[in-house]
Amino acid sequence: MKAKYIGDPSQPKGTENIPDEFEAYGLIFERGKFTDVPANLAAKFDGNSHFETREGKSAPAVEQDDGKETLPDLADRIAGVRDVESLKGELKSEKRSGGKTIIEARIRELEAPAAE
């Protein structure tokens, strides 16, 4: 199977913010390109509204517990962080563009003026 990250379908057309690279389940998806998906992960992408899929030869199995923090785990972890300076430090050390996007969004959220 092959999959391509297409973003959040609930976003209005033309407002999607699709990063150059997106990481999911240990796989990296480049913007606009299909990526080979291992058979052991195919069910996670088949029917997932954020991915377009098509048949193709499966990639070798991916070991999921590599000790690396996934982007969803990163998003969950920083959701409770309220210290902007701490987030800016983490942003400097984050290597994945998807991770940078998540951290930048949290910083913008914290720096935005409170709605009255």
N, C-alpha and C. Protein backbone atom coordinates (compact mmCIF):
# COMPACT_ATOMS: atom_id res chain seq x y z
N MET A 1 0.84 -1.17 0.00
CA MET A 1 0.00 0.00 0.00
C MET A 1 0.88 1.24 0.00
N LYS A 2 0.38 2.28 -0.61
CA LYS A 2 1.03 3.58 -0.60
C LYS A 2 0.04 4.58 0.00
N ALA A 3 0.57 5.58 0.70
CA ALA A 3 -0.28 6.60 1.30
C ALA A 3 0.36 7.97 1.08
N LYS A 4 -0.51 8.99 0.98
CA LYS A 4 -0.06 10.37 0.83
C LYS A 4 -0.82 11.21 1.84
N TYR A 5 -0.10 12.01 2.61
CA TYR A 5 -0.73 12.90 3.58
C TYR A 5 -1.43 14.04 2.84
N ILE A 6 -2.72 14.23 3.10
CA ILE A 6 -3.48 15.27 2.41
C ILE A 6 -3.99 16.35 3.37
N GLY A 7 -3.67 16.23 4.63
CA GLY A 7 -4.07 17.24 5.60
C GLY A 7 -5.42 16.94 6.22
N ASP A 8 -5.91 17.91 6.93
CA ASP A 8 -7.17 17.78 7.67
C ASP A 8 -8.34 18.16 6.76
N PRO A 9 -9.18 17.19 6.39
CA PRO A 9 -10.28 17.48 5.48
C PRO A 9 -11.34 18.40 6.07
N SER A 10 -11.30 18.63 7.39
CA SER A 10 -12.28 19.53 7.98
C SER A 10 -11.90 21.00 7.77
N GLN A 11 -10.66 21.25 7.32
CA GLN A 11 -10.23 22.62 7.04
C GLN A 11 -10.82 23.07 5.71
N PRO A 12 -11.27 24.32 5.62
CA PRO A 12 -11.80 24.82 4.35
C PRO A 12 -10.75 24.73 3.25
N LYS A 13 -11.19 24.41 2.05
CA LYS A 13 -10.29 24.27 0.89
C LYS A 13 -9.46 25.53 0.74
N GLY A 14 -8.17 25.35 0.55
CA GLY A 14 -7.27 26.48 0.37
C GLY A 14 -6.66 27.00 1.66
N THR A 15 -7.14 26.54 2.82
CA THR A 15 -6.59 27.01 4.09
C THR A 15 -5.75 25.94 4.77
N GLU A 16 -5.59 24.78 4.12
CA GLU A 16 -4.82 23.71 4.71
C GLU A 16 -3.37 24.15 4.89
N ASN A 17 -2.76 23.70 5.97
CA ASN A 17 -1.36 23.98 6.22
C ASN A 17 -0.63 22.64 6.21
N ILE A 18 -0.26 22.19 5.02
CA ILE A 18 0.40 20.90 4.87
C ILE A 18 1.91 21.13 4.90
N PRO A 19 2.59 20.57 5.90
CA PRO A 19 4.04 20.78 6.01
C PRO A 19 4.80 20.08 4.88
N ASP A 20 6.06 20.47 4.70
CA ASP A 20 6.91 19.82 3.69
C ASP A 20 7.10 18.35 4.01
N GLU A 21 7.16 18.03 5.30
CA GLU A 21 7.26 16.64 5.76
C GLU A 21 6.28 16.44 6.90
N PHE A 22 5.69 15.26 6.95
CA PHE A 22 4.76 14.91 8.02
C PHE A 22 5.10 13.51 8.48
N GLU A 23 5.24 13.32 9.80
CA GLU A 23 5.58 12.01 10.35
C GLU A 23 4.33 11.39 10.97
N ALA A 24 4.09 10.13 10.64
CA ALA A 24 2.98 9.38 11.24
C ALA A 24 3.41 7.93 11.39
N TYR A 25 3.28 7.41 12.60
CA TYR A 25 3.58 6.00 12.89
C TYR A 25 5.00 5.62 12.45
N GLY A 26 5.92 6.55 12.58
CA GLY A 26 7.31 6.28 12.24
C GLY A 26 7.66 6.44 10.78
N LEU A 27 6.70 6.82 9.95
CA LEU A 27 6.95 7.02 8.52
C LEU A 27 6.96 8.52 8.21
N ILE A 28 7.80 8.91 7.28
CA ILE A 28 7.87 10.32 6.86
C ILE A 28 7.16 10.45 5.51
N PHE A 29 6.24 11.41 5.44
CA PHE A 29 5.48 11.68 4.21
C PHE A 29 5.90 13.05 3.69
N GLU A 30 6.44 13.07 2.47
CA GLU A 30 6.80 14.33 1.84
C GLU A 30 5.56 14.91 1.18
N ARG A 31 5.44 16.23 1.22
CA ARG A 31 4.27 16.90 0.65
C ARG A 31 4.05 16.47 -0.80
N GLY A 32 2.83 16.01 -1.10
CA GLY A 32 2.43 15.68 -2.46
C GLY A 32 2.93 14.34 -2.98
N LYS A 33 3.65 13.58 -2.17
CA LYS A 33 4.20 12.31 -2.65
C LYS A 33 3.62 11.13 -1.87
N PHE A 34 3.44 10.02 -2.59
CA PHE A 34 3.01 8.78 -1.95
C PHE A 34 4.22 8.12 -1.30
N THR A 35 4.00 7.49 -0.15
CA THR A 35 5.03 6.78 0.59
C THR A 35 4.62 5.33 0.74
N ASP A 36 5.56 4.41 0.57
CA ASP A 36 5.26 3.00 0.79
C ASP A 36 4.97 2.77 2.26
N VAL A 37 3.88 2.04 2.53
CA VAL A 37 3.46 1.75 3.89
C VAL A 37 3.62 0.25 4.15
N PRO A 38 4.28 -0.11 5.25
CA PRO A 38 4.44 -1.53 5.58
C PRO A 38 3.07 -2.17 5.85
N ALA A 39 2.97 -3.46 5.54
CA ALA A 39 1.72 -4.18 5.74
C ALA A 39 1.24 -4.10 7.18
N ASN A 40 2.18 -4.10 8.16
CA ASN A 40 1.77 -4.07 9.56
C ASN A 40 1.18 -2.71 9.98
N LEU A 41 1.27 -1.69 9.12
CA LEU A 41 0.69 -0.38 9.42
C LEU A 41 -0.44 0.01 8.48
N ALA A 42 -0.71 -0.81 7.48
CA ALA A 42 -1.69 -0.46 6.45
C ALA A 42 -3.05 -0.10 7.03
N ALA A 43 -3.51 -0.81 8.04
CA ALA A 43 -4.84 -0.55 8.61
C ALA A 43 -4.93 0.84 9.24
N LYS A 44 -3.80 1.39 9.68
CA LYS A 44 -3.81 2.72 10.30
C LYS A 44 -4.05 3.83 9.26
N PHE A 45 -3.74 3.55 8.01
CA PHE A 45 -3.88 4.56 6.97
C PHE A 45 -5.13 4.34 6.11
N ASP A 46 -5.52 3.09 5.93
CA ASP A 46 -6.69 2.76 5.12
C ASP A 46 -7.93 3.33 5.80
N GLY A 47 -8.61 4.24 5.14
CA GLY A 47 -9.81 4.86 5.70
C GLY A 47 -9.52 6.07 6.57
N ASN A 48 -8.25 6.42 6.78
CA ASN A 48 -7.89 7.59 7.56
C ASN A 48 -8.14 8.83 6.70
N SER A 49 -8.96 9.75 7.18
CA SER A 49 -9.37 10.90 6.38
C SER A 49 -8.22 11.86 6.06
N HIS A 50 -7.10 11.74 6.76
CA HIS A 50 -5.98 12.63 6.52
C HIS A 50 -5.01 12.09 5.47
N PHE A 51 -5.32 10.88 4.94
CA PHE A 51 -4.42 10.25 3.98
C PHE A 51 -5.19 9.74 2.76
N GLU A 52 -4.57 9.87 1.61
CA GLU A 52 -5.07 9.24 0.39
C GLU A 52 -4.25 7.96 0.23
N THR A 53 -4.92 6.85 -0.07
CA THR A 53 -4.20 5.58 -0.20
C THR A 53 -4.44 4.97 -1.56
N ARG A 54 -3.50 4.11 -1.95
CA ARG A 54 -3.66 3.33 -3.17
C ARG A 54 -2.88 2.04 -3.00
N GLU A 55 -3.26 1.07 -3.78
CA GLU A 55 -2.60 -0.24 -3.68
C GLU A 55 -1.19 -0.14 -4.23
N GLY A 56 -0.36 -0.98 -3.75
CA GLY A 56 1.03 -1.03 -4.19
C GLY A 56 1.77 -2.00 -3.31
N LYS A 57 2.98 -2.28 -3.65
CA LYS A 57 3.81 -3.19 -2.87
C LYS A 57 4.07 -2.58 -1.50
N SER A 58 3.89 -3.36 -0.45
CA SER A 58 4.11 -2.87 0.90
C SER A 58 5.60 -2.77 1.20
N ALA A 59 5.94 -1.80 1.98
CA ALA A 59 7.32 -1.63 2.44
C ALA A 59 7.60 -2.65 3.54
N PRO A 60 8.87 -2.85 3.88
CA PRO A 60 9.19 -3.76 4.99
C PRO A 60 8.55 -3.26 6.29
N ALA A 61 8.29 -4.19 7.18
CA ALA A 61 7.66 -3.85 8.47
C ALA A 61 8.50 -2.83 9.22
N VAL A 62 7.80 -1.96 9.95
CA VAL A 62 8.46 -0.94 10.75
C VAL A 62 8.27 -1.28 12.21
N GLU A 63 9.36 -1.30 12.94
CA GLU A 63 9.29 -1.52 14.38
C GLU A 63 8.77 -0.23 15.01
N GLN A 64 7.70 -0.29 15.76
CA GLN A 64 7.07 0.91 16.27
C GLN A 64 7.65 1.45 17.57
N ASP A 65 8.29 0.63 18.36
CA ASP A 65 8.79 1.11 19.63
C ASP A 65 10.27 1.41 19.52
N ASP A 66 10.61 2.50 18.82
CA ASP A 66 12.01 2.86 18.64
C ASP A 66 12.47 3.89 19.67
N GLY A 67 11.60 4.22 20.61
CA GLY A 67 11.96 5.16 21.65
C GLY A 67 11.82 6.61 21.23
N LYS A 68 11.53 6.88 19.97
CA LYS A 68 11.38 8.25 19.49
C LYS A 68 9.96 8.73 19.75
N GLU A 69 9.84 9.95 20.11
CA GLU A 69 8.53 10.55 20.35
C GLU A 69 7.85 10.83 19.01
N THR A 70 6.63 10.32 18.85
CA THR A 70 5.89 10.59 17.62
C THR A 70 5.32 12.00 17.67
N LEU A 71 4.91 12.53 16.52
CA LEU A 71 4.34 13.88 16.49
C LEU A 71 3.06 13.97 17.32
N PRO A 72 2.14 12.97 17.26
CA PRO A 72 0.97 13.05 18.13
C PRO A 72 1.35 13.07 19.62
N ASP A 73 2.38 12.30 20.00
CA ASP A 73 2.84 12.31 21.39
C ASP A 73 3.42 13.68 21.75
N LEU A 74 4.17 14.27 20.82
CA LEU A 74 4.71 15.61 21.04
C LEU A 74 3.58 16.60 21.26
N ALA A 75 2.57 16.55 20.41
CA ALA A 75 1.43 17.47 20.53
C ALA A 75 0.72 17.30 21.88
N ASP A 76 0.53 16.05 22.29
CA ASP A 76 -0.11 15.79 23.59
C ASP A 76 0.74 16.34 24.73
N ARG A 77 2.06 16.13 24.65
CA ARG A 77 2.96 16.55 25.72
C ARG A 77 3.00 18.07 25.86
N ILE A 78 3.08 18.79 24.74
CA ILE A 78 3.22 20.25 24.85
C ILE A 78 1.88 20.97 25.05
N ALA A 79 0.79 20.25 24.92
CA ALA A 79 -0.53 20.88 25.11
C ALA A 79 -0.66 21.50 26.49
N GLY A 80 0.01 20.93 27.47
CA GLY A 80 -0.07 21.45 28.83
C GLY A 80 1.05 22.41 29.19
N VAL A 81 2.00 22.61 28.30
CA VAL A 81 3.11 23.52 28.58
C VAL A 81 2.65 24.95 28.40
N ARG A 82 2.91 25.78 29.42
CA ARG A 82 2.46 27.17 29.37
C ARG A 82 3.64 28.14 29.29
N ASP A 83 4.87 27.65 29.38
CA ASP A 83 6.05 28.49 29.37
C ASP A 83 6.56 28.66 27.94
N VAL A 84 6.37 29.84 27.38
CA VAL A 84 6.75 30.12 25.99
C VAL A 84 8.25 29.97 25.79
N GLU A 85 9.05 30.42 26.74
CA GLU A 85 10.51 30.33 26.60
C GLU A 85 10.95 28.87 26.54
N SER A 86 10.34 28.03 27.33
CA SER A 86 10.64 26.60 27.30
C SER A 86 10.31 26.02 25.92
N LEU A 87 9.17 26.42 25.38
CA LEU A 87 8.77 25.94 24.05
C LEU A 87 9.72 26.45 22.97
N LYS A 88 10.18 27.68 23.10
CA LYS A 88 11.12 28.22 22.12
C LYS A 88 12.43 27.45 22.15
N GLY A 89 12.86 27.04 23.34
CA GLY A 89 14.06 26.21 23.45
C GLY A 89 13.86 24.86 22.80
N GLU A 90 12.69 24.29 23.01
CA GLU A 90 12.38 23.00 22.40
C GLU A 90 12.29 23.13 20.88
N LEU A 91 11.78 24.26 20.40
CA LEU A 91 11.67 24.51 18.96
C LEU A 91 13.06 24.50 18.31
N LYS A 92 14.05 25.07 18.98
CA LYS A 92 15.41 25.11 18.44
C LYS A 92 16.00 23.71 18.28
N SER A 93 15.63 22.79 19.16
CA SER A 93 16.21 21.44 19.11
C SER A 93 15.39 20.47 18.26
N GLU A 94 14.16 20.83 17.90
CA GLU A 94 13.30 19.94 17.10
C GLU A 94 13.80 19.91 15.66
N LYS A 95 14.04 18.72 15.14
CA LYS A 95 14.58 18.56 13.79
C LYS A 95 13.51 18.33 12.73
N ARG A 96 12.37 17.76 13.12
CA ARG A 96 11.32 17.44 12.14
C ARG A 96 10.48 18.68 11.84
N SER A 97 10.19 18.91 10.57
CA SER A 97 9.38 20.08 10.21
C SER A 97 7.98 19.98 10.83
N GLY A 98 7.45 18.77 10.89
CA GLY A 98 6.13 18.59 11.52
C GLY A 98 6.16 18.93 12.99
N GLY A 99 7.25 18.57 13.67
CA GLY A 99 7.41 18.90 15.09
C GLY A 99 7.52 20.40 15.28
N LYS A 100 8.27 21.05 14.41
CA LYS A 100 8.40 22.51 14.48
C LYS A 100 7.03 23.18 14.32
N THR A 101 6.24 22.67 13.38
CA THR A 101 4.91 23.23 13.13
C THR A 101 4.03 23.12 14.38
N ILE A 102 4.08 21.96 15.05
CA ILE A 102 3.29 21.74 16.26
C ILE A 102 3.71 22.71 17.36
N ILE A 103 5.02 22.83 17.56
CA ILE A 103 5.52 23.71 18.63
C ILE A 103 5.22 25.17 18.31
N GLU A 104 5.41 25.58 17.05
CA GLU A 104 5.11 26.96 16.65
C GLU A 104 3.63 27.28 16.87
N ALA A 105 2.75 26.34 16.57
CA ALA A 105 1.31 26.56 16.77
C ALA A 105 1.00 26.76 18.25
N ARG A 106 1.64 25.98 19.12
CA ARG A 106 1.41 26.12 20.57
C ARG A 106 1.93 27.46 21.05
N ILE A 107 3.07 27.91 20.55
CA ILE A 107 3.61 29.21 20.94
C ILE A 107 2.65 30.33 20.51
N ARG A 108 2.16 30.26 19.27
CA ARG A 108 1.20 31.27 18.79
C ARG A 108 -0.05 31.28 19.66
N GLU A 109 -0.50 30.09 20.04
CA GLU A 109 -1.70 29.97 20.89
C GLU A 109 -1.48 30.67 22.22
N LEU A 110 -0.29 30.49 22.82
CA LEU A 110 0.00 31.10 24.11
C LEU A 110 0.24 32.60 24.01
N GLU A 111 0.79 33.03 22.89
CA GLU A 111 1.10 34.45 22.73
C GLU A 111 -0.09 35.27 22.23
N ALA A 112 -1.13 34.62 21.76
CA ALA A 112 -2.30 35.33 21.24
C ALA A 112 -3.01 36.03 22.39
N PRO A 113 -3.50 37.24 22.13
CA PRO A 113 -4.25 37.93 23.18
C PRO A 113 -5.53 37.15 23.52
N ALA A 114 -5.85 37.15 24.77
CA ALA A 114 -7.05 36.43 25.22
C ALA A 114 -8.30 37.12 24.70
N ALA A 115 -9.24 36.32 24.19
CA ALA A 115 -10.52 36.87 23.70
C ALA A 115 -11.35 37.31 24.90
N GLU A 116 -12.00 38.42 24.73
CA GLU A 116 -12.81 38.94 25.85
C GLU A 116 -14.26 38.74 25.60
